[in-house]
Amino acid sequence: MSFELLHFRESDKILKKKKMMDDVMKTLEYLDTVLYEAPNKGELLKEALKDMGWREDGTLNIMEGRRYQHKGFKNKVAIEGYIGTFENLEGLFRLQVAFDKQKIDTGILLMNSLRSFDSPFGSSRDLVEWEIQELQPTIFMPVSVALFDLGKTDSEPVLKESMPK
């Protein structure tokens, strides 16, 4: 398994209460298999989430009258993320907006764990934990973050998890 699932603000308890933990783990495992070293991860991500039942018509909209949509949605749990890079604050903000509108109970943010060689931060996990803490009170919802090591394609720059300390 080349992904790690981190839970913040008791998001794991919400997923367990909704009996969705197995579904979430199977979905993440499927994404890991489908997306590993694949080019065009964005289209594959949408197709894989559709295969796993996370892209039902009419459930993805975040705001009425706008085209903002989640990557996936099921049982008041939304999936967000752009898997191509580590940076993904936009996904967190989309989840927070849906949470504020009471459309979701929790969210899952998908992130690529590989970062640039010149990053001064520690591991991707350490950075995510720090960012989630620093974004409070703006981002206060329960959220899970899935960090994927999806390898690299020939068209991507060489990246790594973190610099040695």
N, C-alpha and C. Protein backbone atom coordinates (compact mmCIF):
# COMPACT_ATOMS: atom_id res chain seq x y z
N MET A 1 0.86 -1.17 0.00
CA MET A 1 0.00 0.00 0.00
C MET A 1 0.91 1.23 0.00
N SER A 2 0.77 2.08 -1.00
CA SER A 2 1.63 3.26 -1.06
C SER A 2 0.82 4.54 -0.81
N PHE A 3 -0.04 4.47 0.20
CA PHE A 3 -0.73 5.67 0.66
C PHE A 3 -0.88 5.59 2.17
N GLU A 4 -1.07 6.74 2.77
CA GLU A 4 -1.26 6.83 4.20
C GLU A 4 -2.49 7.70 4.44
N LEU A 5 -3.37 7.26 5.33
CA LEU A 5 -4.59 8.00 5.63
C LEU A 5 -4.46 8.60 7.03
N LEU A 6 -4.51 9.94 7.09
CA LEU A 6 -4.40 10.67 8.35
C LEU A 6 -5.77 11.24 8.70
N HIS A 7 -6.14 11.18 9.95
CA HIS A 7 -7.44 11.68 10.39
C HIS A 7 -7.25 12.86 11.33
N PHE A 8 -8.06 13.90 11.14
CA PHE A 8 -8.02 15.09 11.97
C PHE A 8 -9.42 15.40 12.49
N ARG A 9 -9.46 15.84 13.73
CA ARG A 9 -10.71 16.25 14.37
C ARG A 9 -11.77 15.15 14.36
N GLU A 10 -11.33 13.93 14.61
CA GLU A 10 -12.19 12.76 14.76
C GLU A 10 -12.94 12.37 13.48
N SER A 11 -12.35 12.66 12.34
CA SER A 11 -12.97 12.24 11.08
C SER A 11 -13.10 10.72 11.00
N ASP A 12 -12.16 10.00 11.60
CA ASP A 12 -12.23 8.53 11.59
C ASP A 12 -13.47 8.03 12.34
N LYS A 13 -13.84 8.70 13.42
CA LYS A 13 -15.03 8.29 14.17
C LYS A 13 -16.29 8.51 13.34
N ILE A 14 -16.32 9.59 12.58
CA ILE A 14 -17.47 9.86 11.71
C ILE A 14 -17.57 8.78 10.63
N LEU A 15 -16.46 8.45 10.01
CA LEU A 15 -16.46 7.41 8.97
C LEU A 15 -16.89 6.06 9.54
N LYS A 16 -16.43 5.74 10.73
CA LYS A 16 -16.83 4.47 11.37
C LYS A 16 -18.32 4.47 11.71
N LYS A 17 -18.80 5.60 12.24
CA LYS A 17 -20.23 5.70 12.60
C LYS A 17 -21.10 5.53 11.36
N LYS A 18 -20.65 6.06 10.23
CA LYS A 18 -21.39 5.94 8.97
C LYS A 18 -21.16 4.59 8.30
N LYS A 19 -20.32 3.75 8.92
CA LYS A 19 -19.96 2.43 8.37
C LYS A 19 -19.36 2.57 6.97
N MET A 20 -18.47 3.57 6.83
CA MET A 20 -17.86 3.85 5.54
C MET A 20 -16.35 3.60 5.51
N MET A 21 -15.77 3.20 6.63
CA MET A 21 -14.31 3.05 6.67
C MET A 21 -13.84 2.00 5.65
N ASP A 22 -14.52 0.87 5.55
CA ASP A 22 -14.12 -0.15 4.58
C ASP A 22 -14.26 0.37 3.15
N ASP A 23 -15.35 1.06 2.87
CA ASP A 23 -15.58 1.62 1.54
C ASP A 23 -14.49 2.63 1.20
N VAL A 24 -14.15 3.49 2.14
CA VAL A 24 -13.10 4.49 1.92
C VAL A 24 -11.76 3.80 1.65
N MET A 25 -11.41 2.81 2.47
CA MET A 25 -10.13 2.12 2.29
C MET A 25 -10.07 1.39 0.94
N LYS A 26 -11.16 0.73 0.55
CA LYS A 26 -11.19 0.05 -0.75
C LYS A 26 -11.06 1.06 -1.89
N THR A 27 -11.70 2.21 -1.74
CA THR A 27 -11.60 3.26 -2.76
C THR A 27 -10.18 3.77 -2.86
N LEU A 28 -9.54 4.03 -1.73
CA LEU A 28 -8.15 4.53 -1.74
C LEU A 28 -7.19 3.49 -2.31
N GLU A 29 -7.41 2.23 -1.99
CA GLU A 29 -6.57 1.16 -2.56
C GLU A 29 -6.75 1.09 -4.07
N TYR A 30 -7.98 1.23 -4.54
CA TYR A 30 -8.25 1.21 -5.97
C TYR A 30 -7.58 2.40 -6.65
N LEU A 31 -7.70 3.58 -6.05
CA LEU A 31 -7.04 4.77 -6.61
C LEU A 31 -5.53 4.58 -6.67
N ASP A 32 -4.97 4.00 -5.63
CA ASP A 32 -3.53 3.74 -5.59
C ASP A 32 -3.11 2.85 -6.76
N THR A 33 -3.88 1.82 -7.02
CA THR A 33 -3.58 0.89 -8.12
C THR A 33 -3.73 1.56 -9.48
N VAL A 34 -4.82 2.27 -9.67
CA VAL A 34 -5.13 2.87 -10.96
C VAL A 34 -4.19 4.03 -11.30
N LEU A 35 -3.84 4.83 -10.32
CA LEU A 35 -3.11 6.07 -10.57
C LEU A 35 -1.59 5.92 -10.52
N TYR A 36 -1.07 4.81 -10.00
CA TYR A 36 0.37 4.68 -9.83
C TYR A 36 1.10 4.81 -11.17
N GLU A 37 2.00 5.79 -11.24
CA GLU A 37 2.83 6.10 -12.41
C GLU A 37 2.03 6.35 -13.69
N ALA A 38 0.76 6.68 -13.55
CA ALA A 38 -0.08 6.93 -14.73
C ALA A 38 -0.01 8.39 -15.15
N PRO A 39 0.05 8.65 -16.45
CA PRO A 39 -0.12 10.03 -16.91
C PRO A 39 -1.62 10.37 -16.84
N ASN A 40 -1.96 11.61 -16.97
CA ASN A 40 -3.38 12.04 -16.98
C ASN A 40 -4.14 11.56 -15.75
N LYS A 41 -3.57 11.78 -14.58
CA LYS A 41 -4.17 11.31 -13.34
C LYS A 41 -5.56 11.90 -13.10
N GLY A 42 -5.81 13.13 -13.55
CA GLY A 42 -7.09 13.78 -13.31
C GLY A 42 -8.27 13.01 -13.89
N GLU A 43 -8.16 12.62 -15.15
CA GLU A 43 -9.25 11.86 -15.78
C GLU A 43 -9.37 10.47 -15.19
N LEU A 44 -8.25 9.84 -14.91
CA LEU A 44 -8.29 8.51 -14.29
C LEU A 44 -8.90 8.57 -12.89
N LEU A 45 -8.62 9.64 -12.16
CA LEU A 45 -9.19 9.81 -10.83
C LEU A 45 -10.71 9.85 -10.90
N LYS A 46 -11.23 10.64 -11.81
CA LYS A 46 -12.69 10.73 -11.95
C LYS A 46 -13.31 9.39 -12.34
N GLU A 47 -12.67 8.70 -13.27
CA GLU A 47 -13.19 7.39 -13.70
C GLU A 47 -13.15 6.37 -12.56
N ALA A 48 -12.05 6.37 -11.80
CA ALA A 48 -11.92 5.42 -10.69
C ALA A 48 -12.95 5.71 -9.61
N LEU A 49 -13.17 7.00 -9.31
CA LEU A 49 -14.20 7.33 -8.31
C LEU A 49 -15.59 6.97 -8.81
N LYS A 50 -15.82 7.11 -10.10
CA LYS A 50 -17.11 6.69 -10.67
C LYS A 50 -17.27 5.18 -10.53
N ASP A 51 -16.20 4.43 -10.83
CA ASP A 51 -16.23 2.97 -10.69
C ASP A 51 -16.60 2.54 -9.27
N MET A 52 -16.16 3.33 -8.29
CA MET A 52 -16.39 2.98 -6.88
C MET A 52 -17.66 3.61 -6.30
N GLY A 53 -18.47 4.26 -7.17
CA GLY A 53 -19.76 4.79 -6.73
C GLY A 53 -19.72 6.15 -6.06
N TRP A 54 -18.65 6.91 -6.30
CA TRP A 54 -18.50 8.22 -5.66
C TRP A 54 -18.88 9.38 -6.57
N ARG A 55 -19.35 9.12 -7.78
CA ARG A 55 -19.65 10.22 -8.72
C ARG A 55 -21.06 10.10 -9.29
N GLU A 56 -22.03 9.96 -8.41
CA GLU A 56 -23.42 9.89 -8.85
C GLU A 56 -23.89 11.27 -9.29
N ASP A 57 -24.63 11.34 -10.38
CA ASP A 57 -25.13 12.62 -10.89
C ASP A 57 -25.95 13.34 -9.83
N GLY A 58 -25.76 14.65 -9.75
CA GLY A 58 -26.54 15.49 -8.86
C GLY A 58 -26.03 15.58 -7.44
N THR A 59 -25.00 14.83 -7.09
CA THR A 59 -24.51 14.85 -5.70
C THR A 59 -23.20 15.62 -5.55
N LEU A 60 -22.57 16.02 -6.62
CA LEU A 60 -21.23 16.58 -6.56
C LEU A 60 -21.18 18.09 -6.35
N ASN A 61 -22.29 18.79 -6.62
CA ASN A 61 -22.28 20.25 -6.53
C ASN A 61 -22.03 20.74 -5.11
N ILE A 62 -21.19 21.77 -5.02
CA ILE A 62 -20.88 22.38 -3.73
C ILE A 62 -21.81 23.55 -3.46
N MET A 63 -22.03 24.38 -4.50
CA MET A 63 -22.89 25.56 -4.37
C MET A 63 -23.89 25.57 -5.51
N GLU A 64 -25.14 25.82 -5.18
CA GLU A 64 -26.19 25.89 -6.19
C GLU A 64 -25.88 26.99 -7.21
N GLY A 65 -26.13 26.70 -8.47
CA GLY A 65 -25.94 27.68 -9.52
C GLY A 65 -24.50 27.87 -9.96
N ARG A 66 -23.56 27.14 -9.38
CA ARG A 66 -22.16 27.23 -9.75
C ARG A 66 -21.67 25.86 -10.20
N ARG A 67 -20.57 25.85 -10.92
CA ARG A 67 -20.04 24.58 -11.40
C ARG A 67 -19.02 23.96 -10.46
N TYR A 68 -18.85 24.52 -9.26
CA TYR A 68 -17.93 23.94 -8.29
C TYR A 68 -18.44 22.56 -7.88
N GLN A 69 -17.60 21.56 -8.05
CA GLN A 69 -18.01 20.20 -7.72
C GLN A 69 -16.91 19.47 -6.96
N HIS A 70 -17.34 18.55 -6.10
CA HIS A 70 -16.40 17.65 -5.45
C HIS A 70 -15.94 16.61 -6.46
N LYS A 71 -14.81 16.01 -6.18
CA LYS A 71 -14.33 14.90 -7.01
C LYS A 71 -15.22 13.67 -6.78
N GLY A 72 -15.68 13.51 -5.54
CA GLY A 72 -16.54 12.39 -5.20
C GLY A 72 -17.42 12.74 -4.01
N PHE A 73 -18.55 12.02 -3.90
CA PHE A 73 -19.49 12.28 -2.82
C PHE A 73 -20.30 11.01 -2.58
N LYS A 74 -20.45 10.66 -1.29
CA LYS A 74 -21.26 9.50 -0.93
C LYS A 74 -21.63 9.62 0.55
N ASN A 75 -22.90 9.51 0.87
CA ASN A 75 -23.37 9.44 2.24
C ASN A 75 -22.85 10.61 3.10
N LYS A 76 -22.91 11.82 2.54
CA LYS A 76 -22.46 13.05 3.21
C LYS A 76 -20.96 13.05 3.54
N VAL A 77 -20.20 12.34 2.71
CA VAL A 77 -18.73 12.37 2.77
C VAL A 77 -18.26 12.77 1.38
N ALA A 78 -17.42 13.81 1.33
CA ALA A 78 -16.92 14.30 0.04
C ALA A 78 -15.44 13.97 -0.11
N ILE A 79 -15.04 13.73 -1.35
CA ILE A 79 -13.64 13.54 -1.70
C ILE A 79 -13.21 14.72 -2.55
N GLU A 80 -12.08 15.29 -2.19
CA GLU A 80 -11.49 16.42 -2.91
C GLU A 80 -10.03 16.15 -3.16
N GLY A 81 -9.47 16.85 -4.08
CA GLY A 81 -8.02 16.79 -4.25
C GLY A 81 -7.59 16.88 -5.69
N TYR A 82 -6.41 17.38 -5.84
CA TYR A 82 -5.71 17.35 -7.12
C TYR A 82 -4.48 16.53 -6.86
N ILE A 83 -4.43 15.35 -7.42
CA ILE A 83 -3.43 14.36 -7.07
C ILE A 83 -2.07 14.60 -7.75
N GLY A 84 -2.02 15.59 -8.64
CA GLY A 84 -0.78 15.84 -9.38
C GLY A 84 0.33 16.47 -8.58
N THR A 85 0.00 17.23 -7.54
CA THR A 85 1.02 17.90 -6.74
C THR A 85 0.68 17.78 -5.27
N PHE A 86 1.66 18.13 -4.43
CA PHE A 86 1.45 18.09 -2.99
C PHE A 86 0.51 19.20 -2.55
N GLU A 87 0.67 20.39 -3.07
CA GLU A 87 -0.12 21.54 -2.62
C GLU A 87 -1.60 21.34 -2.94
N ASN A 88 -2.46 21.60 -1.94
CA ASN A 88 -3.88 21.39 -2.19
C ASN A 88 -4.78 22.12 -1.22
N LEU A 89 -4.49 23.38 -0.97
CA LEU A 89 -5.35 24.15 -0.07
C LEU A 89 -6.74 24.35 -0.65
N GLU A 90 -6.84 24.45 -1.96
CA GLU A 90 -8.15 24.64 -2.59
C GLU A 90 -9.11 23.52 -2.23
N GLY A 91 -8.62 22.30 -2.21
CA GLY A 91 -9.46 21.16 -1.84
C GLY A 91 -10.00 21.28 -0.42
N LEU A 92 -9.14 21.74 0.50
CA LEU A 92 -9.59 21.94 1.88
C LEU A 92 -10.67 23.01 1.95
N PHE A 93 -10.49 24.10 1.21
CA PHE A 93 -11.49 25.17 1.23
C PHE A 93 -12.82 24.70 0.64
N ARG A 94 -12.78 23.90 -0.41
CA ARG A 94 -14.02 23.37 -0.98
C ARG A 94 -14.76 22.49 0.04
N LEU A 95 -13.99 21.65 0.73
CA LEU A 95 -14.60 20.80 1.76
C LEU A 95 -15.20 21.65 2.88
N GLN A 96 -14.48 22.69 3.29
CA GLN A 96 -14.99 23.53 4.37
C GLN A 96 -16.28 24.24 3.97
N VAL A 97 -16.35 24.71 2.72
CA VAL A 97 -17.58 25.37 2.26
C VAL A 97 -18.76 24.38 2.32
N ALA A 98 -18.55 23.16 1.84
CA ALA A 98 -19.63 22.16 1.89
C ALA A 98 -19.99 21.81 3.33
N PHE A 99 -19.01 21.74 4.20
CA PHE A 99 -19.26 21.47 5.61
C PHE A 99 -20.08 22.60 6.23
N ASP A 100 -19.69 23.84 5.94
CA ASP A 100 -20.43 25.01 6.46
C ASP A 100 -21.88 25.02 5.99
N LYS A 101 -22.12 24.54 4.78
CA LYS A 101 -23.48 24.50 4.22
C LYS A 101 -24.22 23.23 4.65
N GLN A 102 -23.61 22.44 5.52
CA GLN A 102 -24.17 21.20 6.06
C GLN A 102 -24.48 20.17 4.98
N LYS A 103 -23.70 20.21 3.91
CA LYS A 103 -23.85 19.22 2.85
C LYS A 103 -23.03 17.97 3.13
N ILE A 104 -21.98 18.11 3.95
CA ILE A 104 -21.14 16.97 4.30
C ILE A 104 -20.91 16.94 5.80
N ASP A 105 -20.60 15.74 6.30
CA ASP A 105 -20.24 15.56 7.71
C ASP A 105 -18.73 15.52 7.89
N THR A 106 -18.04 15.06 6.86
CA THR A 106 -16.58 15.01 6.86
C THR A 106 -16.12 14.95 5.40
N GLY A 107 -14.83 15.11 5.22
CA GLY A 107 -14.28 15.06 3.88
C GLY A 107 -12.97 14.31 3.86
N ILE A 108 -12.59 13.91 2.65
CA ILE A 108 -11.31 13.23 2.43
C ILE A 108 -10.55 14.03 1.39
N LEU A 109 -9.35 14.44 1.74
CA LEU A 109 -8.51 15.19 0.83
C LEU A 109 -7.43 14.27 0.29
N LEU A 110 -7.36 14.16 -1.04
CA LEU A 110 -6.35 13.34 -1.70
C LEU A 110 -5.16 14.21 -2.04
N MET A 111 -3.97 13.75 -1.70
CA MET A 111 -2.76 14.52 -1.98
C MET A 111 -1.63 13.59 -2.43
N ASN A 112 -0.80 14.11 -3.30
CA ASN A 112 0.41 13.42 -3.71
C ASN A 112 1.47 13.72 -2.64
N SER A 113 2.07 12.70 -2.07
CA SER A 113 3.03 12.91 -0.98
C SER A 113 4.40 13.35 -1.47
N LEU A 114 4.66 13.25 -2.76
CA LEU A 114 5.98 13.60 -3.27
C LEU A 114 6.11 15.11 -3.40
N ARG A 115 7.24 15.62 -2.90
CA ARG A 115 7.48 17.06 -2.92
C ARG A 115 8.84 17.34 -3.54
N SER A 116 9.09 18.60 -3.79
CA SER A 116 10.31 19.05 -4.42
C SER A 116 11.54 18.78 -3.57
N PHE A 117 12.67 18.56 -4.23
CA PHE A 117 13.94 18.36 -3.53
C PHE A 117 14.31 19.56 -2.66
N ASP A 118 13.93 20.76 -3.07
CA ASP A 118 14.34 21.94 -2.32
C ASP A 118 13.35 22.36 -1.24
N SER A 119 12.43 21.49 -0.87
CA SER A 119 11.49 21.79 0.21
C SER A 119 12.24 21.79 1.56
N PRO A 120 12.08 22.85 2.34
CA PRO A 120 12.76 22.91 3.63
C PRO A 120 12.04 22.17 4.75
N PHE A 121 10.84 21.66 4.49
CA PHE A 121 10.06 21.00 5.52
C PHE A 121 10.46 19.54 5.66
N GLY A 122 10.01 18.93 6.73
CA GLY A 122 10.26 17.51 6.97
C GLY A 122 9.41 16.64 6.07
N SER A 123 8.89 15.56 6.62
CA SER A 123 8.10 14.62 5.83
C SER A 123 6.78 15.26 5.40
N SER A 124 6.17 14.69 4.40
CA SER A 124 4.86 15.17 3.95
C SER A 124 3.83 15.05 5.06
N ARG A 125 3.92 13.97 5.82
CA ARG A 125 3.00 13.79 6.95
C ARG A 125 3.16 14.94 7.96
N ASP A 126 4.40 15.25 8.31
CA ASP A 126 4.66 16.36 9.25
C ASP A 126 4.09 17.66 8.71
N LEU A 127 4.28 17.91 7.43
CA LEU A 127 3.80 19.15 6.83
C LEU A 127 2.28 19.23 6.83
N VAL A 128 1.62 18.12 6.51
CA VAL A 128 0.14 18.10 6.52
C VAL A 128 -0.36 18.36 7.94
N GLU A 129 0.22 17.69 8.93
CA GLU A 129 -0.21 17.90 10.31
C GLU A 129 -0.03 19.35 10.72
N TRP A 130 1.08 19.95 10.36
CA TRP A 130 1.34 21.35 10.68
C TRP A 130 0.35 22.27 9.98
N GLU A 131 0.11 22.04 8.66
CA GLU A 131 -0.81 22.90 7.91
C GLU A 131 -2.23 22.82 8.44
N ILE A 132 -2.72 21.63 8.75
CA ILE A 132 -4.08 21.48 9.27
C ILE A 132 -4.20 22.26 10.59
N GLN A 133 -3.19 22.17 11.44
CA GLN A 133 -3.20 22.90 12.70
C GLN A 133 -3.16 24.41 12.46
N GLU A 134 -2.32 24.87 11.55
CA GLU A 134 -2.15 26.29 11.29
C GLU A 134 -3.37 26.91 10.61
N LEU A 135 -4.13 26.13 9.87
CA LEU A 135 -5.30 26.65 9.17
C LEU A 135 -6.52 26.83 10.07
N GLN A 136 -6.46 26.32 11.28
CA GLN A 136 -7.56 26.52 12.22
C GLN A 136 -7.47 27.95 12.75
N PRO A 137 -8.50 28.71 12.87
CA PRO A 137 -9.91 28.34 12.84
C PRO A 137 -10.56 28.44 11.46
N THR A 138 -9.83 28.82 10.42
CA THR A 138 -10.44 28.93 9.09
C THR A 138 -10.95 27.58 8.61
N ILE A 139 -10.12 26.56 8.71
CA ILE A 139 -10.52 25.18 8.38
C ILE A 139 -10.66 24.45 9.71
N PHE A 140 -11.89 24.15 10.10
CA PHE A 140 -12.14 23.55 11.42
C PHE A 140 -12.91 22.24 11.33
N MET A 141 -13.24 21.81 10.15
CA MET A 141 -14.05 20.61 9.98
C MET A 141 -13.23 19.34 10.22
N PRO A 142 -13.91 18.24 10.52
CA PRO A 142 -13.22 16.96 10.57
C PRO A 142 -12.84 16.55 9.15
N VAL A 143 -11.60 16.18 8.96
CA VAL A 143 -11.12 15.84 7.62
C VAL A 143 -10.08 14.73 7.71
N SER A 144 -10.06 13.89 6.69
CA SER A 144 -9.03 12.88 6.54
C SER A 144 -8.20 13.26 5.33
N VAL A 145 -6.90 13.02 5.42
CA VAL A 145 -6.00 13.33 4.31
C VAL A 145 -5.31 12.03 3.88
N ALA A 146 -5.47 11.70 2.61
CA ALA A 146 -4.81 10.52 2.04
C ALA A 146 -3.59 10.99 1.27
N LEU A 147 -2.42 10.60 1.75
CA LEU A 147 -1.15 10.93 1.09
C LEU A 147 -0.73 9.75 0.23
N PHE A 148 -0.63 9.97 -1.07
CA PHE A 148 -0.29 8.91 -2.02
C PHE A 148 1.14 9.06 -2.53
N ASP A 149 1.84 7.95 -2.62
CA ASP A 149 3.10 7.90 -3.36
C ASP A 149 2.77 7.23 -4.68
N LEU A 150 2.55 8.04 -5.71
CA LEU A 150 2.10 7.52 -7.00
C LEU A 150 3.22 7.34 -7.99
N GLY A 151 4.46 7.38 -7.50
CA GLY A 151 5.59 7.25 -8.42
C GLY A 151 5.64 8.46 -9.32
N LYS A 152 6.42 8.36 -10.36
CA LYS A 152 6.48 9.47 -11.31
C LYS A 152 6.33 8.93 -12.72
N THR A 153 5.82 9.78 -13.58
CA THR A 153 5.77 9.43 -15.00
C THR A 153 6.97 10.07 -15.66
N ASP A 154 7.25 9.70 -16.90
CA ASP A 154 8.39 10.27 -17.61
C ASP A 154 8.27 11.78 -17.79
N SER A 155 7.06 12.30 -17.77
CA SER A 155 6.84 13.73 -18.00
C SER A 155 6.93 14.57 -16.73
N GLU A 156 7.06 13.93 -15.56
CA GLU A 156 7.10 14.67 -14.31
C GLU A 156 8.53 14.89 -13.85
N PRO A 157 8.79 16.00 -13.14
CA PRO A 157 10.12 16.22 -12.59
C PRO A 157 10.41 15.23 -11.48
N VAL A 158 11.67 15.05 -11.19
CA VAL A 158 12.05 14.15 -10.10
C VAL A 158 11.68 14.82 -8.79
N LEU A 159 10.92 14.10 -7.98
CA LEU A 159 10.46 14.61 -6.68
C LEU A 159 10.86 13.63 -5.62
N LYS A 160 10.75 14.04 -4.38
CA LYS A 160 11.00 13.12 -3.28
C LYS A 160 10.11 13.45 -2.11
N GLU A 161 10.01 12.54 -1.17
CA GLU A 161 9.16 12.69 0.01
C GLU A 161 9.61 13.86 0.87
N SER A 162 10.86 13.90 1.25
CA SER A 162 11.32 14.99 2.10
C SER A 162 12.83 15.06 2.08
N MET A 163 13.35 16.17 2.55
CA MET A 163 14.78 16.34 2.66
C MET A 163 15.24 15.73 3.98
N PRO A 164 16.47 15.19 4.01
CA PRO A 164 16.96 14.68 5.30
C PRO A 164 17.13 15.83 6.28
N LYS A 165 16.90 15.54 7.53
CA LYS A 165 17.02 16.58 8.56
C LYS A 165 18.44 16.70 9.03
